[in-house]
Protein backbone atom coordinates (compact mmCIF):
# COMPACT_ATOMS: atom_id res chain seq x y z
CA MET A 1 15.09 95.61 -14.82
CA GLY A 2 13.39 93.41 -12.28
CA PHE A 3 15.38 90.38 -13.46
CA LYS A 4 18.65 92.29 -13.11
CA VAL A 5 17.78 93.38 -9.59
CA LEU A 6 16.84 89.81 -8.69
CA PHE A 7 20.06 88.46 -10.20
CA VAL A 8 22.20 90.99 -8.33
CA SER A 9 20.34 90.30 -5.09
CA VAL A 10 20.88 86.55 -5.42
CA LEU A 11 24.54 87.14 -6.27
CA VAL A 12 25.05 89.40 -3.25
CA LEU A 13 23.20 86.96 -1.00
CA GLY A 14 25.30 84.05 -2.26
CA PHE A 15 28.53 85.97 -1.73
CA GLY A 16 27.37 86.99 1.74
CA VAL A 17 26.63 83.40 2.75
CA TYR A 18 30.02 82.28 1.40
CA PHE A 19 31.83 85.10 3.22
CA ILE A 20 30.06 84.47 6.53
CA SER A 21 30.67 80.73 6.25
CA ASN A 22 34.36 80.91 5.36
CA TYR A 23 35.51 84.02 7.23
CA PHE A 24 33.38 83.88 10.36
CA GLY A 25 32.91 80.09 10.34
CA ILE A 26 29.12 80.21 10.74
CA ARG A 27 27.65 77.24 8.89
CA PRO A 28 24.09 76.03 8.36
CA VAL A 29 22.83 73.11 10.46
CA VAL A 30 20.70 70.28 9.10
CA ARG A 31 18.70 68.02 11.42
CA GLU A 32 17.69 64.57 10.19
CA ALA A 33 15.32 62.16 11.93
CA GLY A 34 17.64 59.16 11.81
CA LEU A 35 21.40 58.55 11.68
CA GLU A 36 21.52 57.06 8.17
CA PHE A 37 23.80 59.92 7.12
CA LEU A 38 26.60 58.46 9.26
CA THR A 39 29.04 55.86 7.94
CA LEU A 40 30.98 53.37 10.09
CA PRO A 41 33.03 50.27 9.24
CA PRO A 42 31.08 47.05 8.56
CA GLY A 43 29.61 45.48 11.69
CA PHE A 44 29.52 48.72 13.69
CA ASN A 45 26.24 50.32 14.74
CA ILE A 46 25.41 53.78 16.01
CA GLU A 47 22.29 54.89 17.84
CA VAL A 48 21.14 57.85 19.91
CA PHE A 49 21.82 57.34 23.61
CA ALA A 50 20.49 60.78 24.69
CA GLU A 51 19.20 63.86 22.87
CA ASP A 52 17.63 67.31 23.25
CA LEU A 53 20.65 68.54 25.23
CA SER A 54 20.81 72.17 24.07
CA PRO A 55 21.12 71.66 20.30
CA SER A 56 22.42 74.59 18.25
CA PHE A 57 20.65 76.28 15.35
CA PHE A 58 23.94 77.17 13.65
CA SER A 59 27.46 75.84 13.70
CA THR A 60 29.81 78.56 14.95
CA PRO A 61 33.52 78.61 15.78
CA GLY A 62 34.58 77.02 19.03
CA PRO A 63 32.49 75.14 21.60
CA GLN A 64 28.76 74.83 21.08
CA GLY A 65 26.40 74.77 24.06
CA GLY A 66 25.46 71.10 24.08
CA PRO A 67 27.04 68.09 25.80
CA ARG A 68 30.81 68.19 26.10
CA LEU A 69 33.01 65.69 27.98
CA MET A 70 31.63 62.61 29.74
CA GLU A 71 32.60 60.07 32.39
CA PHE A 72 31.10 56.70 33.35
CA LYS A 73 30.88 55.38 36.93
CA ASN A 74 28.56 53.01 38.79
CA ASP A 75 26.29 52.37 35.78
CA THR A 76 25.89 56.13 35.31
CA VAL A 77 27.07 58.48 32.58
CA PHE A 78 27.95 62.00 33.72
CA VAL A 79 28.00 64.73 31.07
CA ALA A 80 28.59 68.49 31.31
CA VAL A 81 26.21 70.72 29.34
CA PRO A 82 27.57 74.30 29.27
CA ASN A 83 24.43 76.02 27.95
CA GLN A 84 22.40 74.55 30.80
CA GLY A 85 25.09 75.33 33.37
CA SER A 86 24.65 71.78 34.60
CA VAL A 87 26.03 68.29 34.91
CA ILE A 88 23.46 65.69 33.82
CA THR A 89 23.45 61.98 34.68
CA PHE A 90 22.03 59.07 32.69
CA GLU A 91 21.47 55.87 34.64
CA ASP A 92 21.82 52.48 32.98
CA LYS A 93 21.26 50.25 35.99
CA ASN A 94 20.02 47.27 33.96
CA LYS A 95 23.18 47.42 31.83
CA ASP A 96 21.40 47.26 28.45
CA GLY A 97 23.19 50.29 27.04
CA LYS A 98 20.08 52.48 27.19
CA PRO A 99 19.41 55.03 29.95
CA GLU A 100 16.39 54.46 32.17
CA ALA A 101 16.61 57.79 34.00
CA MET A 102 18.05 61.24 33.44
CA LYS A 103 18.78 63.50 36.41
CA THR A 104 20.33 66.90 37.00
CA PHE A 105 23.33 66.14 39.18
CA ILE A 106 24.05 69.84 39.79
CA ASP A 107 23.17 73.11 38.07
CA GLY A 108 23.85 76.82 38.37
CA LEU A 109 27.43 76.42 37.13
CA ASN A 110 29.49 78.70 34.87
CA ASN A 111 30.11 76.77 31.64
CA PRO A 112 30.79 73.32 33.13
CA HIS A 113 32.99 71.22 30.84
CA ASN A 114 33.75 67.89 32.50
CA VAL A 115 33.83 65.84 35.68
CA ALA A 116 36.33 63.51 37.34
CA PHE A 117 36.11 61.19 40.35
CA SER A 118 38.20 60.51 43.43
CA GLY A 119 36.72 58.55 46.31
CA ASP A 120 33.38 60.11 47.29
CA TRP A 121 34.18 63.35 45.50
CA VAL A 122 32.95 64.44 42.08
CA TYR A 123 35.26 67.09 40.65
CA ILE A 124 33.80 69.57 38.14
CA ALA A 125 35.74 71.88 35.85
CA THR A 126 33.90 75.11 35.03
CA GLU A 127 35.17 78.15 33.18
CA ASP A 128 36.22 80.03 36.31
CA ARG A 129 37.08 77.32 38.85
CA VAL A 130 37.38 73.68 39.80
CA LEU A 131 34.74 72.50 42.28
CA ARG A 132 34.10 69.28 44.08
CA VAL A 133 30.95 67.91 45.63
CA LYS A 134 29.75 64.64 47.18
CA ASP A 135 26.90 62.26 46.44
CA ALA A 136 27.15 60.03 49.49
CA ASN A 137 23.80 58.28 49.02
CA GLY A 138 24.49 57.48 45.36
CA ASP A 139 21.25 58.93 43.99
CA ASN A 140 23.13 60.90 41.31
CA VAL A 141 22.09 64.22 42.79
CA ALA A 142 24.86 66.32 44.35
CA GLU A 143 24.68 67.23 48.02
CA ARG A 144 25.19 70.99 47.74
CA GLU A 145 26.12 71.40 51.37
CA THR A 146 29.34 69.49 50.58
CA LEU A 147 30.31 71.79 47.69
CA GLU A 148 33.91 73.06 47.83
CA LYS A 149 35.56 75.64 45.59
CA LEU A 150 39.09 74.42 45.03
CA VAL A 151 40.95 76.36 42.33
CA ASN A 152 40.11 79.72 40.77
CA LEU A 153 40.83 79.84 37.04
CA PRO A 154 41.23 82.65 34.50
CA THR A 155 38.22 83.20 32.25
CA GLY A 156 37.70 84.06 28.59
CA ASN A 157 38.75 82.59 25.25
CA HIS A 158 39.46 79.62 25.12
CA TRP A 159 36.98 79.05 27.95
CA THR A 160 36.74 75.25 28.25
CA ARG A 161 38.47 73.71 31.29
CA THR A 162 39.21 70.04 31.88
CA VAL A 163 40.00 68.32 35.18
CA LYS A 164 41.44 64.82 35.49
CA ILE A 165 42.51 62.75 38.50
CA PHE A 166 45.60 60.59 37.98
CA GLY A 167 46.88 58.87 41.10
CA ASN A 168 46.76 61.27 44.02
CA SER A 169 46.93 64.43 41.95
CA MET A 170 44.53 66.70 40.09
CA TYR A 171 45.39 67.95 36.60
CA VAL A 172 43.67 70.95 35.02
CA SER A 173 44.02 72.18 31.42
CA VAL A 174 43.53 75.87 30.63
CA GLY A 175 43.61 77.05 27.00
CA SER A 176 45.11 80.23 25.60
CA THR A 177 43.48 83.67 25.49
CA CYS A 178 44.12 84.06 21.77
CA ASN A 179 44.93 82.53 18.42
CA VAL A 180 48.64 83.24 18.86
CA CYS A 181 50.22 85.62 21.39
CA ASN A 182 52.52 85.90 24.37
CA GLU A 183 50.40 85.20 27.46
CA HIS A 184 50.55 87.45 30.53
CA ASP A 185 49.00 84.84 32.83
CA ASP A 186 51.27 81.81 33.25
CA ARG A 187 48.25 79.57 33.85
CA ARG A 188 47.10 79.97 30.25
CA ALA A 189 48.07 77.41 27.58
CA THR A 190 49.10 74.90 30.24
CA ILE A 191 48.16 71.85 32.20
CA MET A 192 48.46 72.48 35.93
CA LYS A 193 49.03 69.86 38.61
CA CYS A 194 47.50 70.30 42.08
CA SER A 195 46.92 68.24 45.18
CA LEU A 196 43.42 66.77 45.45
CA ASP A 197 42.33 69.57 47.79
CA GLY A 198 43.23 72.17 45.17
CA LYS A 199 46.41 73.33 46.88
CA ASN A 200 50.04 73.33 45.73
CA CYS A 201 49.13 74.07 42.12
CA ALA A 202 52.04 74.36 39.70
CA THR A 203 52.58 74.20 35.95
CA PHE A 204 52.87 70.58 34.85
CA ALA A 205 53.36 71.25 31.12
CA LYS A 206 53.14 74.40 28.99
CA GLY A 207 53.13 75.54 25.39
CA LEU A 208 49.77 73.77 24.90
CA ARG A 209 47.50 76.15 23.00
CA ASN A 210 44.26 74.34 23.81
CA THR A 211 44.43 70.81 25.17
CA VAL A 212 40.73 70.17 25.52
CA ASP A 213 41.03 66.54 26.64
CA PHE A 214 43.77 64.26 27.93
CA VAL A 215 43.83 60.69 29.22
CA GLU A 216 46.22 58.36 31.00
CA TYR A 217 47.09 55.10 29.25
CA LYS A 218 49.77 52.61 30.27
CA GLY A 219 51.50 55.16 32.47
CA LYS A 220 51.57 57.98 29.90
CA ILE A 221 49.34 61.03 29.49
CA TYR A 222 48.05 61.59 25.96
CA GLY A 223 46.37 64.85 25.02
CA THR A 224 44.93 66.58 21.98
CA ASP A 225 46.02 70.11 21.08
CA ASN A 226 44.44 72.56 18.66
CA GLY A 227 46.91 74.49 16.51
CA ARG A 228 46.66 78.16 15.58
CA ASP A 229 44.60 79.61 12.72
CA ARG A 230 45.25 82.03 9.83
CA LEU A 231 48.14 80.20 8.19
CA GLY A 232 46.09 78.64 5.41
CA ASN A 233 44.45 75.26 4.97
CA ASP A 234 47.38 72.96 5.61
CA ILE A 235 49.42 74.39 8.50
CA PRO A 236 50.00 74.17 11.34
CA PRO A 237 49.02 70.59 12.22
CA ASP A 238 46.74 69.82 15.11
CA GLU A 239 48.43 67.44 17.50
CA ILE A 240 48.41 64.40 19.75
CA ASN A 241 51.04 64.87 22.47
CA ILE A 242 52.50 62.66 25.14
CA ILE A 243 52.43 65.15 27.99
CA GLU A 244 55.29 64.99 30.44
CA GLU A 245 56.09 67.05 33.50
CA GLY A 246 58.28 70.09 32.92
CA LYS A 247 58.05 69.95 29.12
CA ASN A 248 57.30 72.89 26.82
CA TYR A 249 55.27 71.96 23.73
CA GLY A 250 56.13 75.11 21.85
CA TRP A 251 53.11 77.36 21.43
CA PRO A 252 53.18 80.23 20.47
CA ILE A 253 56.73 79.96 19.07
CA CYS A 254 56.65 76.45 17.61
CA TYR A 255 54.22 73.86 16.29
CA GLY A 256 54.20 70.24 15.16
CA LYS A 257 57.57 68.55 14.81
CA ASN A 258 59.49 71.51 16.23
CA ILE A 259 58.73 73.93 13.41
CA HIS A 260 59.32 77.60 14.23
CA ASP A 261 56.33 79.89 13.65
CA THR A 262 58.08 82.60 11.66
CA ASP A 263 54.74 84.31 11.01
CA PHE A 264 54.41 85.09 14.72
CA ASP A 265 58.10 85.21 15.64
CA PRO A 266 60.25 86.36 12.69
CA ALA A 267 63.45 86.06 14.72
CA PRO A 268 64.11 82.30 14.66
CA ALA A 269 65.10 80.41 17.77
CA SER A 270 67.50 78.44 15.59
CA PRO A 271 70.91 79.89 14.66
CA ALA A 272 70.23 78.98 11.04
CA SER A 273 69.74 82.02 8.81
CA LEU A 274 66.71 82.35 6.57
CA SER A 275 68.88 81.65 3.53
CA GLU A 276 69.91 78.31 5.06
CA ALA A 277 66.48 77.36 6.36
CA GLY A 278 65.34 75.10 3.54
CA GLU A 279 61.74 74.71 2.40
CA GLN A 280 59.50 77.75 2.24
CA VAL A 281 55.75 77.26 2.57
CA ARG A 282 53.26 79.65 1.02
CA TYR A 283 50.24 80.50 3.15
CA GLY A 284 47.22 82.77 3.02
CA ALA A 285 45.82 84.53 -0.03
CA GLY A 286 48.93 86.59 -0.76
CA GLN A 287 52.56 85.81 -1.41
CA ASN A 288 53.61 85.40 2.22
CA THR A 289 55.81 82.46 3.09
CA LEU A 290 56.69 80.54 6.19
CA VAL A 291 60.15 79.10 6.56
CA ARG A 292 60.68 75.69 8.11
CA ILE A 293 63.21 76.39 10.85
CA PRO A 294 63.69 73.96 13.73
CA CYS A 295 63.07 75.20 17.25
CA LEU A 296 65.68 74.80 19.94
CA GLU A 297 65.45 74.83 23.72
CA PRO A 298 63.29 75.59 25.60
CA PHE A 299 60.87 74.61 22.82
CA GLU A 300 62.37 71.20 22.23
CA THR A 301 59.32 68.93 22.68
CA PRO A 302 57.80 68.00 19.31
CA SER A 303 54.29 66.67 18.79
CA PHE A 304 53.87 62.93 19.18
CA ILE A 305 51.55 62.62 16.15
CA ASP A 306 50.65 65.37 13.70
CA LEU A 307 46.98 65.50 12.73
CA PRO A 308 45.60 67.43 9.74
CA ALA A 309 45.38 71.20 10.24
CA HIS A 310 42.15 72.68 11.65
CA VAL A 311 40.31 69.42 12.32
CA ALA A 312 40.03 70.53 15.98
CA PRO A 313 40.71 67.31 17.90
CA LEU A 314 38.90 67.32 21.25
CA GLY A 315 37.97 64.13 23.08
CA LEU A 316 40.04 60.96 22.97
CA ALA A 317 39.83 57.46 24.42
CA PHE A 318 41.75 54.23 24.10
CA TYR A 319 39.30 51.44 23.43
CA ALA A 320 39.28 49.19 26.50
CA GLY A 321 36.46 46.78 25.66
CA THR A 322 36.49 43.32 24.12
CA LYS A 323 33.67 43.38 21.54
CA PHE A 324 35.37 45.42 18.80
CA PRO A 325 37.42 43.42 16.26
CA GLU A 326 41.07 42.77 17.08
CA GLU A 327 42.39 45.60 14.92
CA TYR A 328 40.55 48.09 17.17
CA GLN A 329 41.80 46.70 20.49
CA GLY A 330 43.82 49.40 22.26
CA LYS A 331 43.34 51.87 19.41
CA LEU A 332 43.06 55.56 20.19
CA PHE A 333 39.74 57.08 19.11
CA VAL A 334 39.77 60.86 18.56
CA ALA A 335 36.83 63.22 17.99
CA TYR A 336 37.42 65.87 15.31
CA HIS A 337 35.09 68.75 16.22
CA GLY A 338 35.69 70.38 12.84
CA SER A 339 37.19 73.47 11.27
CA TRP A 340 35.77 76.96 11.18
CA ASN A 341 38.23 78.67 8.79
CA ALA A 342 39.35 75.93 6.40
CA ASP A 343 38.13 75.95 2.79
CA PRO A 344 36.80 73.35 2.23
CA PRO A 345 35.88 72.58 5.85
CA VAL A 346 37.55 69.56 7.46
CA GLY A 347 36.99 67.36 10.50
CA TYR A 348 33.47 66.66 11.82
CA LYS A 349 34.19 62.96 12.36
CA VAL A 350 35.74 60.33 14.62
CA VAL A 351 39.05 58.72 13.64
CA THR A 352 41.29 55.98 14.98
CA VAL A 353 44.97 56.57 15.64
CA ASP A 354 47.54 53.79 15.92
CA VAL A 355 49.99 55.15 18.51
CA GLU A 356 52.61 52.60 17.44
CA THR A 357 52.66 53.54 13.74
CA GLY A 358 50.99 56.96 13.71
CA GLU A 359 48.44 55.72 11.15
CA ILE A 360 45.15 57.66 11.13
CA ASN A 361 41.93 56.22 9.70
CA ASP A 362 38.34 57.44 9.46
CA PHE A 363 35.96 55.60 11.76
CA ALA A 364 32.65 57.50 11.94
CA THR A 365 31.94 60.10 9.25
CA GLY A 366 29.01 62.03 7.79
CA TRP A 367 28.41 64.90 10.21
CA LEU A 368 29.52 67.28 7.45
CA ARG A 369 28.03 67.21 3.95
CA ASP A 370 29.30 69.91 1.61
CA THR A 371 29.14 72.89 4.01
CA SER A 372 26.08 71.75 5.98
CA VAL A 373 26.66 70.50 9.51
CA ARG A 374 24.71 67.61 11.03
CA GLY A 375 26.74 67.45 14.21
CA ARG A 376 30.15 68.02 15.81
CA PRO A 377 31.76 65.22 17.86
CA VAL A 378 33.31 66.25 21.18
CA GLY A 379 33.84 63.65 23.91
CA ILE A 380 34.55 59.91 23.69
CA ILE A 381 34.41 57.38 26.53
CA ASN A 382 34.32 53.60 26.89
CA PHE A 383 30.84 52.29 27.66
CA ARG A 384 29.41 48.76 27.78
CA ASP A 385 32.13 47.24 25.54
CA GLY A 386 31.56 50.05 23.06
CA LEU A 387 31.88 53.82 22.98
CA LEU A 388 29.81 56.91 23.70
CA VAL A 389 30.37 60.05 21.63
CA SER A 390 28.94 63.44 22.61
CA ASP A 391 27.86 66.04 20.06
CA ASP A 392 27.60 69.62 21.33
CA ASN A 393 25.99 70.92 18.13
CA ALA A 394 23.20 68.38 17.64
CA GLY A 395 22.74 68.16 21.42
CA LYS A 396 23.08 64.37 21.40
CA ILE A 397 25.10 61.51 22.79
CA TYR A 398 25.63 58.53 20.48
CA ARG A 399 26.30 54.92 21.41
CA ILE A 400 28.61 52.97 19.08
CA PHE A 401 28.71 49.18 19.37
CA TYR A 402 29.78 46.18 17.32
CA ASP A 403 27.27 43.50 16.38
CA LYS A 404 28.03 41.34 13.36
């Protein structure tokens, strides 16, 4: 009798762990002393640049509390740490790729996500607003008396906000309130464009479910976008988009290469009838099907590059250094934060994307082993002829460099 009870208890426990992991996306975390679990191409090295930045005990859906997006200016790395409500700086004044000092640039913020620079101003995107503050003496501590509140932002899921300065304008991304829905606030699922003082804000691009990071490269703005959930393991794709003013990138009606989301919107935007639509795609555990119907105006802007579904692309950077081998020069590096509802889980790595051919290749892997999480990459920036990668689950920043 005791054996039967034990067997049933183990069975129930095992089913419970599986259900929690796959339905709620809560996965166990493993911490290892070194980084031997990570694999990079020959000649590349990875080391810890900073650590103990609000590591998580579990891996849960969405953002973790550790370091998110980063920027590098005047031999100093700036990183936002939401759980601490702060922006932290790491000084590398002797240029050896290792920080000599860590300082709190500013704290007391509501879920800070990233910073950007323009002149003497440091712009900070938090969940509820964009701020700017000065550090006139260059000691990497903000002068609070200069703090200005520029743009109020809507709060709630998805709560990360990203500010970038391109030219003489400020761009701010605001994710959706939901997995898939019609928004009632026209600031959600957009990138807004404002003047540098936070005035004259208007929608720059829309239909972007959750563009967590975006960068300017050779006159174009490239951004990641996270597709919706609950359509199975393989659809819809996550995306890299070339973001242009006035364009609609489709969400919630369309995804990927102009495919109509007939699960959310059964009435197709295309005049084609269901019987003429072509391929049907099964999704979910039942017999439901999606029908591949092209979207028409105003949802005419397809993704630039389709990424695998649910990998959750966040940070991205074009390599701008000279030390990486020739095949990596100008390549786009993208951080896959990782899935929460894919079975088996996917992502949890850094990949390269060739924007000329669309080819995607693994670059740094190993943060996921079976269903155990060792970290979740978030932000990527150029640093000392190499790269820095933040990890909001392990609470670390990694330095990647080439030395062969």
